[in-house]
Amino acid sequence: MTSTTGFYTFVRKNLVTWRNKKQDVMSRSSAKAEYRVMTHTTCEIVWIKNLLMELDFRQPGLMLIHCGNQSAIYITQNHVFH
């Protein structure tokens, strides 16, 4: 059984992009599924940041990713997994 995942991105307080879709790959754990979504979200953030730089719009500070799955957060913070 596949799950539905989604993410949205904001620039300052403005909604810029969002995605909600049924996963095409079945994961054995929710941590792996959440990690996969965080990877896609990171790619989206890099794309948005580059677009904003081309438009000469400087985003002050970091662009943050929020995730509620503690196991997925641990995987992203542990450099052994990369």
N, C-alpha and C. Protein backbone atom coordinates (compact mmCIF):
# COMPACT_ATOMS: atom_id res chain seq x y z
N MET A 1 0.84 -1.18 0.00
CA MET A 1 0.00 0.00 0.00
C MET A 1 0.89 1.24 0.00
N THR A 2 0.65 2.15 -0.92
CA THR A 2 1.42 3.38 -0.98
C THR A 2 0.70 4.47 -0.20
N SER A 3 1.46 5.44 0.22
CA SER A 3 0.88 6.53 1.00
C SER A 3 0.87 7.81 0.18
N THR A 4 0.16 8.78 0.67
CA THR A 4 0.11 10.09 0.04
C THR A 4 1.02 11.02 0.82
N THR A 5 1.85 11.74 0.09
CA THR A 5 2.75 12.69 0.73
C THR A 5 2.59 14.05 0.09
N GLY A 6 3.09 15.03 0.76
CA GLY A 6 3.00 16.36 0.20
C GLY A 6 3.95 17.32 0.90
N PHE A 7 4.20 18.42 0.23
CA PHE A 7 4.99 19.48 0.82
C PHE A 7 4.57 20.80 0.20
N TYR A 8 4.91 21.87 0.86
CA TYR A 8 4.66 23.19 0.33
C TYR A 8 5.83 24.07 0.71
N THR A 9 6.07 25.10 -0.09
CA THR A 9 7.19 26.01 0.17
C THR A 9 6.66 27.44 0.23
N PHE A 10 7.24 28.17 1.16
CA PHE A 10 6.91 29.57 1.34
C PHE A 10 8.17 30.40 1.13
N VAL A 11 8.02 31.57 0.56
CA VAL A 11 9.06 32.58 0.53
C VAL A 11 8.51 33.72 1.37
N ARG A 12 9.21 33.96 2.47
CA ARG A 12 8.70 34.81 3.54
C ARG A 12 7.37 34.23 3.99
N LYS A 13 6.26 34.92 3.83
CA LYS A 13 4.98 34.35 4.26
C LYS A 13 4.07 34.01 3.07
N ASN A 14 4.65 33.95 1.87
CA ASN A 14 3.87 33.71 0.67
C ASN A 14 4.04 32.28 0.18
N LEU A 15 2.93 31.59 -0.05
CA LEU A 15 2.96 30.25 -0.59
C LEU A 15 3.41 30.32 -2.05
N VAL A 16 4.48 29.58 -2.38
CA VAL A 16 5.04 29.63 -3.73
C VAL A 16 4.75 28.35 -4.50
N THR A 17 5.02 27.20 -3.90
CA THR A 17 4.75 25.94 -4.56
C THR A 17 4.17 24.95 -3.56
N TRP A 18 3.49 23.95 -4.08
CA TRP A 18 3.02 22.85 -3.25
C TRP A 18 2.89 21.61 -4.11
N ARG A 19 2.96 20.49 -3.46
CA ARG A 19 2.80 19.22 -4.17
C ARG A 19 2.17 18.22 -3.21
N ASN A 20 1.19 17.52 -3.70
CA ASN A 20 0.53 16.47 -2.95
C ASN A 20 0.28 15.33 -3.92
N LYS A 21 0.87 14.17 -3.66
CA LYS A 21 0.72 13.08 -4.61
C LYS A 21 0.82 11.73 -3.91
N LYS A 22 0.32 10.76 -4.58
CA LYS A 22 0.44 9.38 -4.10
C LYS A 22 1.83 8.90 -4.48
N GLN A 23 2.53 8.31 -3.54
CA GLN A 23 3.89 7.84 -3.81
C GLN A 23 3.86 6.70 -4.81
N ASP A 24 4.77 6.76 -5.77
CA ASP A 24 4.85 5.70 -6.76
C ASP A 24 5.78 4.57 -6.33
N VAL A 25 6.51 4.78 -5.24
CA VAL A 25 7.40 3.76 -4.70
C VAL A 25 6.91 3.39 -3.31
N MET A 26 6.81 2.10 -3.06
CA MET A 26 6.35 1.66 -1.74
C MET A 26 7.54 1.54 -0.80
N SER A 27 7.48 2.22 0.32
CA SER A 27 8.56 2.19 1.30
C SER A 27 8.22 1.19 2.40
N ARG A 28 9.27 0.58 2.95
CA ARG A 28 9.06 -0.35 4.05
C ARG A 28 8.87 0.36 5.38
N SER A 29 9.27 1.62 5.45
CA SER A 29 9.11 2.35 6.71
C SER A 29 8.67 3.77 6.43
N SER A 30 8.02 4.37 7.42
CA SER A 30 7.59 5.76 7.26
C SER A 30 8.79 6.70 7.25
N ALA A 31 9.86 6.31 7.94
CA ALA A 31 11.07 7.16 7.94
C ALA A 31 11.65 7.26 6.54
N LYS A 32 11.67 6.14 5.83
CA LYS A 32 12.20 6.16 4.47
C LYS A 32 11.31 7.00 3.55
N ALA A 33 10.01 6.89 3.73
CA ALA A 33 9.08 7.69 2.92
C ALA A 33 9.25 9.18 3.22
N GLU A 34 9.35 9.53 4.49
CA GLU A 34 9.56 10.92 4.89
C GLU A 34 10.89 11.45 4.37
N TYR A 35 11.93 10.62 4.42
CA TYR A 35 13.24 11.02 3.92
C TYR A 35 13.16 11.30 2.42
N ARG A 36 12.43 10.48 1.70
CA ARG A 36 12.26 10.67 0.25
C ARG A 36 11.57 12.00 -0.03
N VAL A 37 10.55 12.33 0.75
CA VAL A 37 9.85 13.61 0.58
C VAL A 37 10.78 14.78 0.91
N MET A 38 11.58 14.63 1.96
CA MET A 38 12.52 15.69 2.31
C MET A 38 13.55 15.90 1.21
N THR A 39 13.95 14.84 0.54
CA THR A 39 14.88 14.96 -0.58
C THR A 39 14.26 15.75 -1.72
N HIS A 40 13.02 15.45 -2.07
CA HIS A 40 12.32 16.19 -3.12
C HIS A 40 12.12 17.65 -2.72
N THR A 41 11.81 17.87 -1.46
CA THR A 41 11.61 19.23 -0.97
C THR A 41 12.92 20.03 -1.06
N THR A 42 14.02 19.39 -0.73
CA THR A 42 15.32 20.05 -0.83
C THR A 42 15.62 20.47 -2.26
N CYS A 43 15.34 19.60 -3.21
CA CYS A 43 15.54 19.94 -4.63
C CYS A 43 14.67 21.13 -5.02
N GLU A 44 13.44 21.15 -4.54
CA GLU A 44 12.53 22.25 -4.82
C GLU A 44 13.06 23.56 -4.22
N ILE A 45 13.59 23.50 -3.01
CA ILE A 45 14.12 24.69 -2.35
C ILE A 45 15.34 25.22 -3.10
N VAL A 46 16.22 24.34 -3.54
CA VAL A 46 17.39 24.78 -4.31
C VAL A 46 16.95 25.46 -5.60
N TRP A 47 15.95 24.89 -6.28
CA TRP A 47 15.44 25.47 -7.52
C TRP A 47 14.86 26.86 -7.25
N ILE A 48 14.06 26.99 -6.19
CA ILE A 48 13.44 28.28 -5.85
C ILE A 48 14.51 29.30 -5.49
N LYS A 49 15.50 28.88 -4.72
CA LYS A 49 16.57 29.80 -4.32
C LYS A 49 17.33 30.31 -5.54
N ASN A 50 17.63 29.42 -6.49
CA ASN A 50 18.32 29.84 -7.72
C ASN A 50 17.45 30.77 -8.56
N LEU A 51 16.16 30.48 -8.65
CA LEU A 51 15.25 31.35 -9.38
C LEU A 51 15.20 32.74 -8.75
N LEU A 52 15.10 32.79 -7.43
CA LEU A 52 15.06 34.08 -6.75
C LEU A 52 16.36 34.86 -6.96
N MET A 53 17.49 34.16 -6.98
CA MET A 53 18.77 34.85 -7.23
C MET A 53 18.81 35.41 -8.65
N GLU A 54 18.28 34.67 -9.62
CA GLU A 54 18.23 35.18 -11.00
C GLU A 54 17.35 36.41 -11.10
N LEU A 55 16.30 36.47 -10.30
CA LEU A 55 15.40 37.61 -10.29
C LEU A 55 15.90 38.74 -9.40
N ASP A 56 17.13 38.57 -8.89
CA ASP A 56 17.79 39.55 -8.02
C ASP A 56 16.99 39.79 -6.74
N PHE A 57 16.42 38.71 -6.22
CA PHE A 57 15.69 38.76 -4.96
C PHE A 57 16.49 37.96 -3.95
N ARG A 58 17.03 38.63 -2.97
CA ARG A 58 17.86 37.97 -1.97
C ARG A 58 17.00 37.49 -0.81
N GLN A 59 17.09 36.22 -0.51
CA GLN A 59 16.37 35.63 0.62
C GLN A 59 17.28 35.70 1.83
N PRO A 60 16.96 36.55 2.81
CA PRO A 60 17.83 36.62 3.99
C PRO A 60 17.69 35.36 4.84
N GLY A 61 18.79 34.86 5.31
CA GLY A 61 18.76 33.69 6.18
C GLY A 61 18.61 32.39 5.42
N LEU A 62 18.43 31.34 6.18
CA LEU A 62 18.30 30.00 5.61
C LEU A 62 16.86 29.71 5.21
N MET A 63 16.69 28.80 4.27
CA MET A 63 15.37 28.29 3.93
C MET A 63 15.22 26.98 4.70
N LEU A 64 14.23 26.90 5.58
CA LEU A 64 14.09 25.79 6.51
C LEU A 64 13.16 24.71 5.97
N ILE A 65 13.41 23.49 6.39
CA ILE A 65 12.53 22.36 6.14
C ILE A 65 12.03 21.87 7.49
N HIS A 66 10.72 21.72 7.62
CA HIS A 66 10.13 21.20 8.85
C HIS A 66 9.63 19.79 8.59
N CYS A 67 9.94 18.89 9.50
CA CYS A 67 9.52 17.49 9.37
C CYS A 67 9.14 16.98 10.75
N GLY A 68 8.07 16.21 10.82
CA GLY A 68 7.61 15.70 12.10
C GLY A 68 8.08 14.30 12.43
N ASN A 69 8.78 13.65 11.50
CA ASN A 69 9.22 12.27 11.72
C ASN A 69 10.64 12.28 12.28
N GLN A 70 10.80 11.90 13.54
CA GLN A 70 12.10 11.96 14.21
C GLN A 70 13.14 11.05 13.55
N SER A 71 12.72 9.90 13.07
CA SER A 71 13.66 8.99 12.41
C SER A 71 14.21 9.59 11.12
N ALA A 72 13.35 10.24 10.34
CA ALA A 72 13.80 10.88 9.11
C ALA A 72 14.74 12.04 9.41
N ILE A 73 14.46 12.78 10.47
CA ILE A 73 15.35 13.88 10.87
C ILE A 73 16.72 13.33 11.26
N TYR A 74 16.74 12.22 11.99
CA TYR A 74 18.02 11.61 12.38
C TYR A 74 18.81 11.17 11.15
N ILE A 75 18.14 10.58 10.19
CA ILE A 75 18.82 10.15 8.96
C ILE A 75 19.45 11.33 8.24
N THR A 76 18.75 12.46 8.15
CA THR A 76 19.29 13.62 7.44
C THR A 76 20.44 14.26 8.20
N GLN A 77 20.43 14.20 9.52
CA GLN A 77 21.48 14.84 10.31
C GLN A 77 22.72 13.96 10.47
N ASN A 78 22.60 12.67 10.25
CA ASN A 78 23.72 11.76 10.43
C ASN A 78 24.44 11.60 9.09
N HIS A 79 25.68 12.10 9.01
CA HIS A 79 26.43 12.10 7.75
C HIS A 79 26.90 10.71 7.33
N VAL A 80 26.79 9.73 8.19
CA VAL A 80 27.17 8.36 7.84
C VAL A 80 26.23 7.82 6.75
N PHE A 81 24.97 8.28 6.74
CA PHE A 81 23.98 7.80 5.78
C PHE A 81 24.11 8.43 4.40
N HIS A 82 24.99 9.43 4.25
CA HIS A 82 25.08 10.14 2.97
C HIS A 82 26.22 9.63 2.14
